[in-house]
PDB file of N, CA and C in Angstrom:
ATOM      1  N   MET A   1     154.162 126.251  -2.553  1.00  0.00           N
ATOM      2  CA  MET A   1     153.557 125.292  -3.417  1.00  0.00           C
ATOM      3  C   MET A   1     154.551 124.656  -4.288  1.00  0.00           C
ATOM      4  N   ASP A   2     154.445 123.398  -4.449  1.00  0.00           N
ATOM      5  CA  ASP A   2     155.373 122.671  -5.297  1.00  0.00           C
ATOM      6  C   ASP A   2     155.163 122.956  -6.761  1.00  0.00           C
ATOM      7  N   LYS A   3     156.059 123.534  -7.410  1.00  0.00           N
ATOM      8  CA  LYS A   3     155.834 123.904  -8.850  1.00  0.00           C
ATOM      9  C   LYS A   3     155.656 122.750  -9.780  1.00  0.00           C
ATOM     10  N   ARG A   4     156.042 121.536  -9.264  1.00  0.00           N
ATOM     11  CA  ARG A   4     155.868 120.356 -10.032  1.00  0.00           C
ATOM     12  C   ARG A   4     154.359 120.019 -10.266  1.00  0.00           C
ATOM     13  N   ASN A   5     153.580 120.678  -9.335  1.00  0.00           N
ATOM     14  CA  ASN A   5     152.130 120.403  -9.466  1.00  0.00           C
ATOM     15  C   ASN A   5     151.317 121.542 -10.192  1.00  0.00           C
ATOM     16  N   HIS A   6     152.176 122.340 -10.960  1.00  0.00           N
ATOM     17  CA  HIS A   6     151.429 123.469 -11.680  1.00  0.00           C
ATOM     18  C   HIS A   6     151.202 123.002 -13.114  1.00  0.00           C
ATOM     19  N   PRO A   7     150.204 123.481 -13.783  1.00  0.00           N
ATOM     20  CA  PRO A   7     149.357 124.562 -13.335  1.00  0.00           C
ATOM     21  C   PRO A   7     148.288 124.024 -12.368  1.00  0.00           C
ATOM     22  N   LEU A   8     147.734 124.946 -11.645  1.00  0.00           N
ATOM     23  CA  LEU A   8     146.741 124.547 -10.596  1.00  0.00           C
ATOM     24  C   LEU A   8     145.353 125.189 -10.963  1.00  0.00           C
ATOM     25  N   LEU A   9     144.362 124.401 -10.882  1.00  0.00           N
ATOM     26  CA  LEU A   9     142.909 124.888 -11.186  1.00  0.00           C
ATOM     27  C   LEU A   9     142.247 124.952  -9.833  1.00  0.00           C
ATOM     28  N   ILE A  10     141.705 126.157  -9.643  1.00  0.00           N
ATOM     29  CA  ILE A  10     140.854 126.389  -8.500  1.00  0.00           C
ATOM     30  C   ILE A  10     139.494 126.843  -8.932  1.00  0.00           C
ATOM     31  N   HIS A  11     138.470 126.170  -8.586  1.00  0.00           N
ATOM     32  CA  HIS A  11     137.143 126.541  -9.059  1.00  0.00           C
ATOM     33  C   HIS A  11     136.052 126.249  -8.059  1.00  0.00           C
ATOM     34  N   CYS A  12     135.011 126.994  -8.196  1.00  0.00           N
ATOM     35  CA  CYS A  12     133.846 126.732  -7.337  1.00  0.00           C
ATOM     36  C   CYS A  12     132.588 126.909  -8.413  1.00  0.00           C
ATOM     37  N   ASN A  13     131.397 127.100  -7.901  1.00  0.00           N
ATOM     38  CA  ASN A  13     130.221 127.118  -8.682  1.00  0.00           C
ATOM     39  C   ASN A  13     130.376 128.127  -9.878  1.00  0.00           C
ATOM     40  N   HIS A  14     130.659 129.414  -9.579  1.00  0.00           N
ATOM     41  CA  HIS A  14     130.932 130.368 -10.604  1.00  0.00           C
ATOM     42  C   HIS A  14     132.336 130.912 -10.647  1.00  0.00           C
ATOM     43  N   GLY A  15     133.175 130.415  -9.841  1.00  0.00           N
ATOM     44  CA  GLY A  15     134.630 130.767  -9.993  1.00  0.00           C
ATOM     45  C   GLY A  15     134.931 132.152  -9.466  1.00  0.00           C
ATOM     46  N   LYS A  16     134.037 132.647  -8.599  1.00  0.00           N
ATOM     47  CA  LYS A  16     134.234 134.112  -8.054  1.00  0.00           C
ATOM     48  C   LYS A  16     134.552 134.148  -6.602  1.00  0.00           C
ATOM     49  N   HIS A  17     133.556 133.715  -5.834  1.00  0.00           N
ATOM     50  CA  HIS A  17     133.744 133.943  -4.368  1.00  0.00           C
ATOM     51  C   HIS A  17     134.560 132.925  -3.635  1.00  0.00           C
ATOM     52  N   ARG A  18     134.218 131.619  -3.482  1.00  0.00           N
ATOM     53  CA  ARG A  18     134.945 130.798  -2.828  1.00  0.00           C
ATOM     54  C   ARG A  18     136.346 130.527  -3.384  1.00  0.00           C
ATOM     55  N   ALA A  19     136.343 130.353  -4.746  1.00  0.00           N
ATOM     56  CA  ALA A  19     137.621 130.252  -5.515  1.00  0.00           C
ATOM     57  C   ALA A  19     138.455 131.528  -5.353  1.00  0.00           C
ATOM     58  N   GLY A  20     137.743 132.727  -5.389  1.00  0.00           N
ATOM     59  CA  GLY A  20     138.446 133.964  -5.204  1.00  0.00           C
ATOM     60  C   GLY A  20     139.190 134.130  -3.946  1.00  0.00           C
ATOM     61  N   ILE A  21     138.527 133.600  -2.895  1.00  0.00           N
ATOM     62  CA  ILE A  21     139.144 133.689  -1.547  1.00  0.00           C
ATOM     63  C   ILE A  21     140.438 132.807  -1.546  1.00  0.00           C
ATOM     64  N   VAL A  22     140.408 131.616  -2.032  1.00  0.00           N
ATOM     65  CA  VAL A  22     141.481 130.708  -2.089  1.00  0.00           C
ATOM     66  C   VAL A  22     142.625 131.426  -2.935  1.00  0.00           C
ATOM     67  N   VAL A  23     142.319 131.911  -4.123  1.00  0.00           N
ATOM     68  CA  VAL A  23     143.263 132.522  -4.889  1.00  0.00           C
ATOM     69  C   VAL A  23     143.905 133.756  -4.261  1.00  0.00           C
ATOM     70  N   ALA A  24     143.167 134.601  -3.532  1.00  0.00           N
ATOM     71  CA  ALA A  24     143.658 135.716  -2.812  1.00  0.00           C
ATOM     72  C   ALA A  24     144.638 135.370  -1.714  1.00  0.00           C
ATOM     73  N   CYS A  25     144.194 134.295  -1.036  1.00  0.00           N
ATOM     74  CA  CYS A  25     144.968 133.862   0.171  1.00  0.00           C
ATOM     75  C   CYS A  25     146.307 133.204  -0.393  1.00  0.00           C
ATOM     76  N   THR A  26     146.150 132.477  -1.547  1.00  0.00           N
ATOM     77  CA  THR A  26     147.452 131.893  -2.145  1.00  0.00           C
ATOM     78  C   THR A  26     148.411 133.066  -2.600  1.00  0.00           C
ATOM     79  N   HIS A  27     147.914 134.049  -3.179  1.00  0.00           N
ATOM     80  CA  HIS A  27     148.664 135.176  -3.513  1.00  0.00           C
ATOM     81  C   HIS A  27     149.358 135.775  -2.266  1.00  0.00           C
ATOM     82  N   ILE A  28     148.605 135.933  -1.263  1.00  0.00           N
ATOM     83  CA  ILE A  28     149.201 136.537  -0.016  1.00  0.00           C
ATOM     84  C   ILE A  28     150.309 135.635   0.541  1.00  0.00           C
ATOM     85  N   SER A  29     150.056 134.283   0.523  1.00  0.00           N
ATOM     86  CA  SER A  29     151.119 133.378   0.890  1.00  0.00           C
ATOM     87  C   SER A  29     152.349 133.404   0.036  1.00  0.00           C
ATOM     88  N   HIS A  30     152.279 133.928  -1.140  1.00  0.00           N
ATOM     89  CA  HIS A  30     153.348 134.159  -2.103  1.00  0.00           C
ATOM     90  C   HIS A  30     153.864 135.509  -2.025  1.00  0.00           C
ATOM     91  N   ARG A  31     153.556 136.237  -0.900  1.00  0.00           N
ATOM     92  CA  ARG A  31     154.097 137.506  -0.631  1.00  0.00           C
ATOM     93  C   ARG A  31     153.507 138.674  -1.502  1.00  0.00           C
ATOM     94  N   TRP A  32     152.380 138.489  -2.059  1.00  0.00           N
ATOM     95  CA  TRP A  32     151.805 139.656  -2.656  1.00  0.00           C
ATOM     96  C   TRP A  32     151.359 140.671  -1.671  1.00  0.00           C
ATOM     97  N   HIS A  33     151.514 141.921  -2.013  1.00  0.00           N
ATOM     98  CA  HIS A  33     151.093 142.989  -1.077  1.00  0.00           C
ATOM     99  C   HIS A  33     149.527 142.977  -0.911  1.00  0.00           C
ATOM    100  N   ARG A  34     149.120 143.288   0.230  1.00  0.00           N
ATOM    101  CA  ARG A  34     147.729 143.251   0.681  1.00  0.00           C
ATOM    102  C   ARG A  34     146.804 143.919  -0.401  1.00  0.00           C
ATOM    103  N   SER A  35     147.178 145.132  -0.754  1.00  0.00           N
ATOM    104  CA  SER A  35     146.356 145.872  -1.722  1.00  0.00           C
ATOM    105  C   SER A  35     146.284 145.202  -3.065  1.00  0.00           C
ATOM    106  N   ARG A  36     147.277 144.551  -3.521  1.00  0.00           N
ATOM    107  CA  ARG A  36     147.371 143.915  -4.833  1.00  0.00           C
ATOM    108  C   ARG A  36     146.387 142.709  -4.763  1.00  0.00           C
ATOM    109  N   ALA A  37     146.530 141.879  -3.651  1.00  0.00           N
ATOM    110  CA  ALA A  37     145.624 140.710  -3.560  1.00  0.00           C
ATOM    111  C   ALA A  37     144.106 141.139  -3.374  1.00  0.00           C
ATOM    112  N   LEU A  38     143.780 142.122  -2.677  1.00  0.00           N
ATOM    113  CA  LEU A  38     142.436 142.584  -2.529  1.00  0.00           C
ATOM    114  C   LEU A  38     141.938 143.204  -3.871  1.00  0.00           C
ATOM    115  N   ALA A  39     142.813 143.942  -4.562  1.00  0.00           N
ATOM    116  CA  ALA A  39     142.372 144.437  -5.869  1.00  0.00           C
ATOM    117  C   ALA A  39     142.056 143.424  -6.905  1.00  0.00           C
ATOM    118  N   ASP A  40     142.918 142.371  -6.898  1.00  0.00           N
ATOM    119  CA  ASP A  40     142.757 141.243  -7.834  1.00  0.00           C
ATOM    120  C   ASP A  40     141.481 140.490  -7.455  1.00  0.00           C
ATOM    121  N   HIS A  41     141.185 140.318  -6.148  1.00  0.00           N
ATOM    122  CA  HIS A  41     139.977 139.621  -5.782  1.00  0.00           C
ATOM    123  C   HIS A  41     138.706 140.552  -6.225  1.00  0.00           C
ATOM    124  N   ALA A  42     138.820 141.776  -6.003  1.00  0.00           N
ATOM    125  CA  ALA A  42     137.715 142.673  -6.395  1.00  0.00           C
ATOM    126  C   ALA A  42     137.422 142.698  -7.913  1.00  0.00           C
ATOM    127  N   ARG A  43     138.512 142.528  -8.601  1.00  0.00           N
ATOM    128  CA  ARG A  43     138.400 142.604 -10.109  1.00  0.00           C
ATOM    129  C   ARG A  43     137.569 141.379 -10.506  1.00  0.00           C
ATOM    130  N   PHE A  44     137.737 140.283  -9.976  1.00  0.00           N
ATOM    131  CA  PHE A  44     136.988 138.990 -10.351  1.00  0.00           C
ATOM    132  C   PHE A  44     135.740 138.732  -9.779  1.00  0.00           C
ATOM    133  N   SER A  45     135.553 139.354  -8.559  1.00  0.00           N
ATOM    134  CA  SER A  45     134.280 139.168  -7.824  1.00  0.00           C
ATOM    135  C   SER A  45     133.189 140.234  -8.071  1.00  0.00           C
ATOM    136  N   HIS A  46     133.676 141.292  -8.827  1.00  0.00           N
ATOM    137  CA  HIS A  46     132.747 142.377  -9.139  1.00  0.00           C
ATOM    138  C   HIS A  46     131.641 141.937 -10.039  1.00  0.00           C
ATOM    139  N   PRO A  47     130.375 142.405  -9.924  1.00  0.00           N
ATOM    140  CA  PRO A  47     129.974 143.471  -9.076  1.00  0.00           C
ATOM    141  C   PRO A  47     129.395 142.948  -7.676  1.00  0.00           C
ATOM    142  N   LYS A  48     129.659 141.688  -7.349  1.00  0.00           N
ATOM    143  CA  LYS A  48     129.011 141.154  -6.094  1.00  0.00           C
ATOM    144  C   LYS A  48     130.154 140.815  -5.060  1.00  0.00           C
ATOM    145  N   GLU A  49     130.874 141.805  -4.807  1.00  0.00           N
ATOM    146  CA  GLU A  49     131.919 141.552  -3.619  1.00  0.00           C
ATOM    147  C   GLU A  49     131.168 141.351  -2.433  1.00  0.00           C
ATOM    148  N   ARG A  50     131.539 140.360  -1.622  1.00  0.00           N
ATOM    149  CA  ARG A  50     130.885 140.015  -0.328  1.00  0.00           C
ATOM    150  C   ARG A  50     131.790 140.428   0.833  1.00  0.00           C
ATOM    151  N   LYS A  51     131.161 141.178   1.745  1.00  0.00           N
ATOM    152  CA  LYS A  51     131.852 141.672   2.949  1.00  0.00           C
ATOM    153  C   LYS A  51     132.469 140.525   3.708  1.00  0.00           C
ATOM    154  N   ALA A  52     131.895 139.379   3.736  1.00  0.00           N
ATOM    155  CA  ALA A  52     132.436 138.170   4.480  1.00  0.00           C
ATOM    156  C   ALA A  52     133.690 137.729   3.800  1.00  0.00           C
ATOM    157  N   ASP A  53     133.710 137.750   2.426  1.00  0.00           N
ATOM    158  CA  ASP A  53     134.874 137.267   1.714  1.00  0.00           C
ATOM    159  C   ASP A  53     136.123 138.250   2.024  1.00  0.00           C
ATOM    160  N   ILE A  54     135.889 139.599   1.999  1.00  0.00           N
ATOM    161  CA  ILE A  54     136.892 140.516   2.291  1.00  0.00           C
ATOM    162  C   ILE A  54     137.382 140.322   3.658  1.00  0.00           C
ATOM    163  N   SER A  55     136.369 140.155   4.627  1.00  0.00           N
ATOM    164  CA  SER A  55     136.798 139.910   6.002  1.00  0.00           C
ATOM    165  C   SER A  55     137.622 138.648   6.229  1.00  0.00           C
ATOM    166  N   PHE A  56     137.348 137.632   5.517  1.00  0.00           N
ATOM    167  CA  PHE A  56     138.147 136.401   5.573  1.00  0.00           C
ATOM    168  C   PHE A  56     139.483 136.675   5.060  1.00  0.00           C
ATOM    169  N   ILE A  57     139.622 137.327   3.882  1.00  0.00           N
ATOM    170  CA  ILE A  57     140.984 137.691   3.393  1.00  0.00           C
ATOM    171  C   ILE A  57     141.741 138.530   4.334  1.00  0.00           C
ATOM    172  N   ASN A  58     141.174 139.545   4.903  1.00  0.00           N
ATOM    173  CA  ASN A  58     141.829 140.381   5.783  1.00  0.00           C
ATOM    174  C   ASN A  58     142.248 139.643   7.097  1.00  0.00           C
ATOM    175  N   GLU A  59     141.446 138.614   7.541  1.00  0.00           N
ATOM    176  CA  GLU A  59     141.880 137.866   8.710  1.00  0.00           C
ATOM    177  C   GLU A  59     143.123 136.996   8.251  1.00  0.00           C
ATOM    178  N   PHE A  60     143.131 136.460   7.110  1.00  0.00           N
ATOM    179  CA  PHE A  60     144.256 135.604   6.555  1.00  0.00           C
ATOM    180  C   PHE A  60     145.444 136.503   6.561  1.00  0.00           C
ATOM    181  N   ILE A  61     145.357 137.733   6.085  1.00  0.00           N
ATOM    182  CA  ILE A  61     146.478 138.679   5.948  1.00  0.00           C
ATOM    183  C   ILE A  61     147.104 138.903   7.407  1.00  0.00           C
ATOM    184  N   ALA A  62     146.158 139.074   8.412  1.00  0.00           N
ATOM    185  CA  ALA A  62     146.568 139.455   9.690  1.00  0.00           C
ATOM    186  C   ALA A  62     147.323 138.241  10.334  1.00  0.00           C
ATOM    187  N   ALA A  63     146.879 136.974   9.891  1.00  0.00           N
ATOM    188  CA  ALA A  63     147.465 135.816  10.541  1.00  0.00           C
ATOM    189  C   ALA A  63     148.735 135.348   9.730  1.00  0.00           C
ATOM    190  N   ALA A  64     149.026 135.910   8.474  1.00  0.00           N
ATOM    191  CA  ALA A  64     150.132 135.491   7.661  1.00  0.00           C
ATOM    192  C   ALA A  64     151.451 135.839   8.321  1.00  0.00           C
ATOM    193  N   PRO A  65     152.453 134.968   8.240  1.00  0.00           N
ATOM    194  CA  PRO A  65     153.692 135.300   8.831  1.00  0.00           C
ATOM    195  C   PRO A  65     154.374 136.321   8.019  1.00  0.00           C
ATOM    196  N   THR A  66     155.195 137.144   8.766  1.00  0.00           N
ATOM    197  CA  THR A  66     155.949 138.229   8.020  1.00  0.00           C
ATOM    198  C   THR A  66     157.346 137.833   7.695  1.00  0.00           C
TER     199      THR A  66
END
């Protein structure tokens, strides 16, 4: 991401699920470790973590270049 465009606001209806997926995937693209990105997502989506959201993030992790 171009740092000239920072700060960046990502939001959805409640700022948890859709926005949380985008943020988690952004963290992964910035080389965050998988467990850290998933823990961060869980922290903000709690108590309503969605299996589909976690699956999407895991698919993104699997597809991310190493």
